[in-house]
Amino acid sequence: MVKTVTKKQKLPEDFKSVLWGYNFKKINPDENYERIIVNTLNYGSWKQWCWLANYYGIKKLKNIIQEIPESEFRNYRALRL
């Protein structure tokens, strides 16, 4: 069962592992969504991917990913939507 995520929520602590180069306390999931998504798709776990899908929604997440240059992703060929 997938847990519903409420807006205005902070990122779960386990996202520190994919955002190691940033001040984690200052990251806002509503403002820094591109960096969060790119780093999570590049370095995150399945659990973190599911959090993205729940927080942003599948449709919005897909639209955001399509707007990000492919070169931002480590294995961009696998992300073709």
N, C-alpha and C. Protein backbone atom coordinates (compact mmCIF):
# COMPACT_ATOMS: atom_id res chain seq x y z
N MET A 1 0.84 -1.18 0.00
CA MET A 1 0.00 0.00 0.00
C MET A 1 0.89 1.24 0.00
N VAL A 2 0.54 2.22 -0.83
CA VAL A 2 1.32 3.44 -0.95
C VAL A 2 0.76 4.48 0.00
N LYS A 3 1.62 5.08 0.77
CA LYS A 3 1.22 6.11 1.72
C LYS A 3 1.07 7.44 0.99
N THR A 4 -0.01 8.14 1.25
CA THR A 4 -0.24 9.44 0.64
C THR A 4 0.63 10.48 1.32
N VAL A 5 1.24 11.35 0.54
CA VAL A 5 2.11 12.39 1.05
C VAL A 5 1.36 13.71 0.99
N THR A 6 1.42 14.46 2.07
CA THR A 6 0.75 15.75 2.08
C THR A 6 1.70 16.84 1.63
N LYS A 7 1.16 17.86 0.98
CA LYS A 7 1.98 18.98 0.52
C LYS A 7 2.56 19.75 1.70
N LYS A 8 3.55 20.55 1.42
CA LYS A 8 4.26 21.36 2.41
C LYS A 8 5.04 20.48 3.38
N GLN A 9 5.31 19.27 2.97
CA GLN A 9 6.07 18.35 3.79
C GLN A 9 7.55 18.48 3.46
N LYS A 10 8.39 18.28 4.44
CA LYS A 10 9.83 18.27 4.20
C LYS A 10 10.20 16.93 3.57
N LEU A 11 11.34 16.94 2.93
CA LEU A 11 11.84 15.69 2.37
C LEU A 11 12.17 14.72 3.49
N PRO A 12 11.91 13.44 3.27
CA PRO A 12 12.33 12.44 4.27
C PRO A 12 13.85 12.46 4.43
N GLU A 13 14.30 12.13 5.60
CA GLU A 13 15.73 12.15 5.92
C GLU A 13 16.57 11.30 4.98
N ASP A 14 16.01 10.22 4.46
CA ASP A 14 16.82 9.35 3.59
C ASP A 14 17.16 10.01 2.26
N PHE A 15 16.61 11.18 1.96
CA PHE A 15 16.98 11.91 0.75
C PHE A 15 18.34 12.60 0.89
N LYS A 16 18.86 12.66 2.10
CA LYS A 16 20.21 13.23 2.29
C LYS A 16 21.23 12.48 1.45
N SER A 17 21.00 11.19 1.25
CA SER A 17 21.96 10.38 0.50
C SER A 17 22.01 10.74 -0.98
N VAL A 18 20.96 11.32 -1.54
CA VAL A 18 20.96 11.70 -2.95
C VAL A 18 21.18 13.20 -3.14
N LEU A 19 21.16 13.95 -2.05
CA LEU A 19 21.36 15.41 -2.11
C LEU A 19 22.55 15.81 -1.24
N TRP A 20 23.59 15.00 -1.29
CA TRP A 20 24.76 15.19 -0.43
C TRP A 20 25.47 16.53 -0.64
N GLY A 21 25.37 17.12 -1.80
CA GLY A 21 26.09 18.37 -2.08
C GLY A 21 25.29 19.62 -1.77
N TYR A 22 24.16 19.47 -1.11
CA TYR A 22 23.28 20.61 -0.85
C TYR A 22 22.98 20.72 0.63
N ASN A 23 22.61 21.93 1.07
CA ASN A 23 22.21 22.13 2.45
C ASN A 23 20.81 21.54 2.61
N PHE A 24 20.74 20.36 3.15
CA PHE A 24 19.49 19.60 3.20
C PHE A 24 18.38 20.34 3.94
N LYS A 25 18.74 21.07 4.98
CA LYS A 25 17.73 21.79 5.76
C LYS A 25 17.05 22.90 4.97
N LYS A 26 17.70 23.38 3.93
CA LYS A 26 17.13 24.47 3.14
C LYS A 26 16.40 24.02 1.89
N ILE A 27 16.43 22.73 1.61
CA ILE A 27 15.79 22.23 0.40
C ILE A 27 14.28 22.15 0.62
N ASN A 28 13.57 22.75 -0.31
CA ASN A 28 12.11 22.77 -0.26
C ASN A 28 11.60 21.95 -1.44
N PRO A 29 10.81 20.90 -1.19
CA PRO A 29 10.36 20.05 -2.30
C PRO A 29 9.49 20.77 -3.32
N ASP A 30 8.88 21.88 -2.95
CA ASP A 30 8.05 22.62 -3.90
C ASP A 30 8.85 23.63 -4.72
N GLU A 31 9.99 24.05 -4.22
CA GLU A 31 10.82 25.03 -4.93
C GLU A 31 12.00 24.38 -5.65
N ASN A 32 12.54 23.34 -5.09
CA ASN A 32 13.75 22.69 -5.62
C ASN A 32 13.44 21.35 -6.27
N TYR A 33 12.26 21.24 -6.85
CA TYR A 33 11.79 19.96 -7.37
C TYR A 33 12.67 19.41 -8.49
N GLU A 34 13.21 20.27 -9.36
CA GLU A 34 14.04 19.74 -10.45
C GLU A 34 15.28 19.04 -9.92
N ARG A 35 15.97 19.66 -8.99
CA ARG A 35 17.19 19.06 -8.43
C ARG A 35 16.85 17.79 -7.67
N ILE A 36 15.77 17.82 -6.92
CA ILE A 36 15.36 16.63 -6.16
C ILE A 36 15.05 15.48 -7.11
N ILE A 37 14.32 15.76 -8.17
CA ILE A 37 13.94 14.72 -9.13
C ILE A 37 15.16 14.17 -9.85
N VAL A 38 16.01 15.04 -10.36
CA VAL A 38 17.20 14.58 -11.09
C VAL A 38 18.08 13.72 -10.20
N ASN A 39 18.39 14.22 -9.01
CA ASN A 39 19.28 13.46 -8.13
C ASN A 39 18.65 12.14 -7.68
N THR A 40 17.34 12.15 -7.46
CA THR A 40 16.68 10.92 -7.04
C THR A 40 16.65 9.90 -8.16
N LEU A 41 16.36 10.33 -9.38
CA LEU A 41 16.36 9.38 -10.49
C LEU A 41 17.76 8.87 -10.78
N ASN A 42 18.76 9.70 -10.56
CA ASN A 42 20.14 9.28 -10.80
C ASN A 42 20.70 8.38 -9.70
N TYR A 43 20.39 8.66 -8.45
CA TYR A 43 21.06 8.00 -7.34
C TYR A 43 20.12 7.38 -6.30
N GLY A 44 18.82 7.56 -6.46
CA GLY A 44 17.88 7.16 -5.42
C GLY A 44 17.46 5.71 -5.46
N SER A 45 16.78 5.35 -4.41
CA SER A 45 16.26 3.99 -4.26
C SER A 45 14.81 3.94 -4.77
N TRP A 46 14.29 2.73 -4.89
CA TRP A 46 12.89 2.56 -5.30
C TRP A 46 11.96 3.29 -4.33
N LYS A 47 12.24 3.23 -3.05
CA LYS A 47 11.42 3.90 -2.03
C LYS A 47 11.40 5.41 -2.29
N GLN A 48 12.53 5.98 -2.64
CA GLN A 48 12.60 7.41 -2.92
C GLN A 48 11.87 7.75 -4.22
N TRP A 49 11.97 6.89 -5.21
CA TRP A 49 11.23 7.09 -6.47
C TRP A 49 9.73 7.10 -6.18
N CYS A 50 9.29 6.18 -5.33
CA CYS A 50 7.86 6.12 -4.99
C CYS A 50 7.42 7.39 -4.26
N TRP A 51 8.29 7.92 -3.40
CA TRP A 51 7.96 9.17 -2.71
C TRP A 51 7.75 10.28 -3.73
N LEU A 52 8.63 10.37 -4.74
CA LEU A 52 8.47 11.38 -5.79
C LEU A 52 7.11 11.24 -6.47
N ALA A 53 6.77 10.02 -6.83
CA ALA A 53 5.50 9.78 -7.53
C ALA A 53 4.31 10.16 -6.66
N ASN A 54 4.39 9.87 -5.39
CA ASN A 54 3.29 10.21 -4.48
C ASN A 54 3.21 11.71 -4.22
N TYR A 55 4.34 12.34 -4.06
CA TYR A 55 4.35 13.77 -3.72
C TYR A 55 3.96 14.64 -4.91
N TYR A 56 4.58 14.40 -6.05
CA TYR A 56 4.34 15.25 -7.22
C TYR A 56 3.21 14.75 -8.10
N GLY A 57 2.89 13.47 -8.00
CA GLY A 57 1.89 12.87 -8.87
C GLY A 57 2.56 12.40 -10.16
N ILE A 58 2.08 11.28 -10.69
CA ILE A 58 2.70 10.67 -11.87
C ILE A 58 2.66 11.62 -13.08
N LYS A 59 1.54 12.23 -13.32
CA LYS A 59 1.40 13.09 -14.50
C LYS A 59 2.33 14.31 -14.41
N LYS A 60 2.34 14.97 -13.26
CA LYS A 60 3.21 16.13 -13.09
C LYS A 60 4.68 15.72 -13.15
N LEU A 61 5.00 14.60 -12.53
CA LEU A 61 6.38 14.11 -12.53
C LEU A 61 6.84 13.84 -13.96
N LYS A 62 6.00 13.22 -14.75
CA LYS A 62 6.34 12.95 -16.15
C LYS A 62 6.58 14.25 -16.90
N ASN A 63 5.71 15.24 -16.70
CA ASN A 63 5.87 16.53 -17.37
C ASN A 63 7.17 17.23 -16.96
N ILE A 64 7.49 17.16 -15.68
CA ILE A 64 8.73 17.78 -15.19
C ILE A 64 9.94 17.09 -15.82
N ILE A 65 9.94 15.77 -15.83
CA ILE A 65 11.07 15.01 -16.39
C ILE A 65 11.25 15.34 -17.87
N GLN A 66 10.17 15.49 -18.60
CA GLN A 66 10.26 15.81 -20.02
C GLN A 66 10.84 17.21 -20.27
N GLU A 67 10.75 18.11 -19.31
CA GLU A 67 11.28 19.46 -19.45
C GLU A 67 12.77 19.56 -19.07
N ILE A 68 13.27 18.58 -18.36
CA ILE A 68 14.66 18.58 -17.92
C ILE A 68 15.53 18.03 -19.05
N PRO A 69 16.64 18.70 -19.38
CA PRO A 69 17.51 18.19 -20.44
C PRO A 69 17.98 16.76 -20.14
N GLU A 70 17.98 15.93 -21.17
CA GLU A 70 18.39 14.53 -21.01
C GLU A 70 19.78 14.39 -20.42
N SER A 71 20.65 15.33 -20.72
CA SER A 71 22.03 15.24 -20.25
C SER A 71 22.14 15.33 -18.72
N GLU A 72 21.08 15.73 -18.04
CA GLU A 72 21.08 15.78 -16.58
C GLU A 72 21.01 14.39 -15.96
N PHE A 73 20.56 13.43 -16.73
CA PHE A 73 20.35 12.09 -16.20
C PHE A 73 21.51 11.17 -16.55
N ARG A 74 21.93 10.37 -15.58
CA ARG A 74 23.05 9.46 -15.77
C ARG A 74 22.79 8.46 -16.89
N ASN A 75 21.62 7.92 -16.95
CA ASN A 75 21.29 6.93 -17.97
C ASN A 75 20.04 7.40 -18.69
N TYR A 76 20.15 8.50 -19.39
CA TYR A 76 18.99 9.13 -19.98
C TYR A 76 18.28 8.27 -21.00
N ARG A 77 18.97 7.35 -21.63
CA ARG A 77 18.31 6.48 -22.63
C ARG A 77 17.26 5.59 -21.97
N ALA A 78 17.46 5.23 -20.71
CA ALA A 78 16.52 4.37 -20.00
C ALA A 78 15.28 5.13 -19.53
N LEU A 79 15.34 6.47 -19.54
CA LEU A 79 14.24 7.27 -19.03
C LEU A 79 13.28 7.74 -20.11
N ARG A 80 13.43 7.28 -21.30
CA ARG A 80 12.51 7.70 -22.37
C ARG A 80 11.08 7.37 -21.96
N LEU A 81 10.25 8.38 -21.98
CA LEU A 81 8.85 8.20 -21.55
C LEU A 81 7.91 8.13 -22.72
